[in-house]
């Protein structure tokens, strides 16, 4: 079992998956790619992208304006900035 939290509260159990959805009436959606290898771990509108490398996602969307490696590096660089904007 996980140790108690700093405030003494019982720890939350780890989830095997996470589902999320933003306000799709505004055409927003979230996505997450693993830092280590650029593999999609969550996608708010295209769950079939989960498990695919960013390069493969770009290929499936016919986006050839940037390579998967370059875009992944840009995502990581932006996340490391103080405000995290990209």
C-alpha atoms as a PDB file:
ATOM      1  CA  UNK A   1       0.000   0.000   0.000  1.00  0.00           C
ATOM      2  CA  UNK A   2       1.222   3.534  -0.705  1.00  0.00           C
ATOM      3  CA  UNK A   3       2.435   5.533   2.314  1.00  0.00           C
ATOM      4  CA  UNK A   4       0.123   8.180   3.808  1.00  0.00           C
ATOM      5  CA  UNK A   5       0.302  11.683   2.375  1.00  0.00           C
ATOM      6  CA  UNK A   6       2.119  14.522   4.161  1.00  0.00           C
ATOM      7  CA  UNK A   7      -1.141  15.767   5.655  1.00  0.00           C
ATOM      8  CA  UNK A   8      -1.949  12.315   7.064  1.00  0.00           C
ATOM      9  CA  UNK A   9      -4.779  11.638   4.633  1.00  0.00           C
ATOM     10  CA  UNK A  10      -5.105   8.185   3.148  1.00  0.00           C
ATOM     11  CA  UNK A  11      -3.448   7.985  -0.271  1.00  0.00           C
ATOM     12  CA  UNK A  12      -5.576   7.665  -3.366  1.00  0.00           C
ATOM     13  CA  UNK A  13      -5.220   4.399  -5.257  1.00  0.00           C
ATOM     14  CA  UNK A  14      -3.374   4.643  -8.582  1.00  0.00           C
ATOM     15  CA  UNK A  15      -5.592   4.559 -11.637  1.00  0.00           C
ATOM     16  CA  UNK A  16      -4.815   2.350 -14.598  1.00  0.00           C
ATOM     17  CA  UNK A  17      -6.260   4.903 -17.004  1.00  0.00           C
ATOM     18  CA  UNK A  18      -7.509   8.444 -16.972  1.00  0.00           C
ATOM     19  CA  UNK A  19     -10.471   9.804 -18.911  1.00  0.00           C
ATOM     20  CA  UNK A  20     -10.889  13.496 -19.416  1.00  0.00           C
ATOM     21  CA  UNK A  21     -12.966  15.795 -21.532  1.00  0.00           C
ATOM     22  CA  UNK A  22     -12.895  19.540 -21.938  1.00  0.00           C
ATOM     23  CA  UNK A  23     -15.777  21.656 -23.161  1.00  0.00           C
ATOM     24  CA  UNK A  24     -16.137  20.268 -26.682  1.00  0.00           C
ATOM     25  CA  UNK A  25     -18.740  22.923 -27.481  1.00  0.00           C
ATOM     26  CA  UNK A  26     -15.757  25.264 -27.622  1.00  0.00           C
ATOM     27  CA  UNK A  27     -13.807  22.748 -29.729  1.00  0.00           C
ATOM     28  CA  UNK A  28     -11.156  22.274 -27.037  1.00  0.00           C
ATOM     29  CA  UNK A  29      -9.674  18.913 -26.177  1.00  0.00           C
ATOM     30  CA  UNK A  30      -6.746  17.696 -24.166  1.00  0.00           C
ATOM     31  CA  UNK A  31      -3.977  15.330 -25.137  1.00  0.00           C
ATOM     32  CA  UNK A  32      -0.828  14.021 -23.481  1.00  0.00           C
ATOM     33  CA  UNK A  33       2.319  12.488 -24.916  1.00  0.00           C
ATOM     34  CA  UNK A  34       4.920  10.686 -22.832  1.00  0.00           C
ATOM     35  CA  UNK A  35       8.087  12.741 -22.416  1.00  0.00           C
ATOM     36  CA  UNK A  36      10.483   9.837 -22.818  1.00  0.00           C
ATOM     37  CA  UNK A  37       9.361   8.580 -26.221  1.00  0.00           C
ATOM     38  CA  UNK A  38       6.592  10.814 -27.564  1.00  0.00           C
ATOM     39  CA  UNK A  39       3.892   8.138 -27.358  1.00  0.00           C
ATOM     40  CA  UNK A  40       0.313   9.355 -26.901  1.00  0.00           C
ATOM     41  CA  UNK A  41      -1.063   8.374 -23.498  1.00  0.00           C
ATOM     42  CA  UNK A  42      -4.355  10.310 -23.665  1.00  0.00           C
ATOM     43  CA  UNK A  43      -6.366  12.056 -26.355  1.00  0.00           C
ATOM     44  CA  UNK A  44      -9.652  13.854 -25.764  1.00  0.00           C
ATOM     45  CA  UNK A  45     -11.215  13.265 -29.184  1.00  0.00           C
ATOM     46  CA  UNK A  46      -9.285  10.452 -30.860  1.00  0.00           C
ATOM     47  CA  UNK A  47      -8.774   7.558 -28.426  1.00  0.00           C
ATOM     48  CA  UNK A  48      -7.326   5.483 -31.262  1.00  0.00           C
ATOM     49  CA  UNK A  49      -4.200   7.689 -31.096  1.00  0.00           C
ATOM     50  CA  UNK A  50      -3.371   6.368 -27.625  1.00  0.00           C
ATOM     51  CA  UNK A  51      -0.307   4.137 -27.922  1.00  0.00           C
ATOM     52  CA  UNK A  52       0.918   5.784 -31.135  1.00  0.00           C
ATOM     53  CA  UNK A  53       4.075   7.839 -31.454  1.00  0.00           C
ATOM     54  CA  UNK A  54       3.556  11.504 -32.298  1.00  0.00           C
ATOM     55  CA  UNK A  55       5.044  10.946 -35.764  1.00  0.00           C
ATOM     56  CA  UNK A  56       2.384   8.323 -36.500  1.00  0.00           C
ATOM     57  CA  UNK A  57      -0.379  10.643 -35.261  1.00  0.00           C
ATOM     58  CA  UNK A  58       0.904  13.356 -37.590  1.00  0.00           C
ATOM     59  CA  UNK A  59       1.010  10.896 -40.469  1.00  0.00           C
ATOM     60  CA  UNK A  60      -2.597   9.822 -39.832  1.00  0.00           C
ATOM     61  CA  UNK A  61      -3.730  13.451 -39.816  1.00  0.00           C
ATOM     62  CA  UNK A  62      -1.734  14.148 -42.993  1.00  0.00           C
ATOM     63  CA  UNK A  63       0.272  16.799 -41.184  1.00  0.00           C
ATOM     64  CA  UNK A  64       3.654  17.027 -42.875  1.00  0.00           C
ATOM     65  CA  UNK A  65       4.485  20.571 -41.776  1.00  0.00           C
ATOM     66  CA  UNK A  66       6.631  19.253 -38.914  1.00  0.00           C
ATOM     67  CA  UNK A  67       8.204  15.936 -37.944  1.00  0.00           C
ATOM     68  CA  UNK A  68       7.012  14.041 -34.887  1.00  0.00           C
ATOM     69  CA  UNK A  69      10.452  14.312 -33.288  1.00  0.00           C
ATOM     70  CA  UNK A  70      10.611  18.073 -33.837  1.00  0.00           C
ATOM     71  CA  UNK A  71       7.094  18.676 -32.509  1.00  0.00           C
ATOM     72  CA  UNK A  72       7.738  16.454 -29.490  1.00  0.00           C
ATOM     73  CA  UNK A  73      10.911  18.392 -28.715  1.00  0.00           C
ATOM     74  CA  UNK A  74       8.930  21.648 -28.995  1.00  0.00           C
ATOM     75  CA  UNK A  75       6.246  20.327 -26.620  1.00  0.00           C
ATOM     76  CA  UNK A  76       8.916  19.314 -24.085  1.00  0.00           C
ATOM     77  CA  UNK A  77      10.771  22.623 -24.377  1.00  0.00           C
ATOM     78  CA  UNK A  78       7.535  24.561 -23.854  1.00  0.00           C
ATOM     79  CA  UNK A  79       6.595  22.454 -20.828  1.00  0.00           C
ATOM     80  CA  UNK A  80       9.917  23.271 -19.194  1.00  0.00           C
ATOM     81  CA  UNK A  81       9.369  27.024 -19.484  1.00  0.00           C
ATOM     82  CA  UNK A  82       8.192  28.831 -16.375  1.00  0.00           C
ATOM     83  CA  UNK A  83       4.718  29.523 -17.753  1.00  0.00           C
ATOM     84  CA  UNK A  84       4.542  26.369 -19.907  1.00  0.00           C
ATOM     85  CA  UNK A  85       2.863  28.050 -22.903  1.00  0.00           C
ATOM     86  CA  UNK A  86       3.303  26.933 -26.489  1.00  0.00           C
END
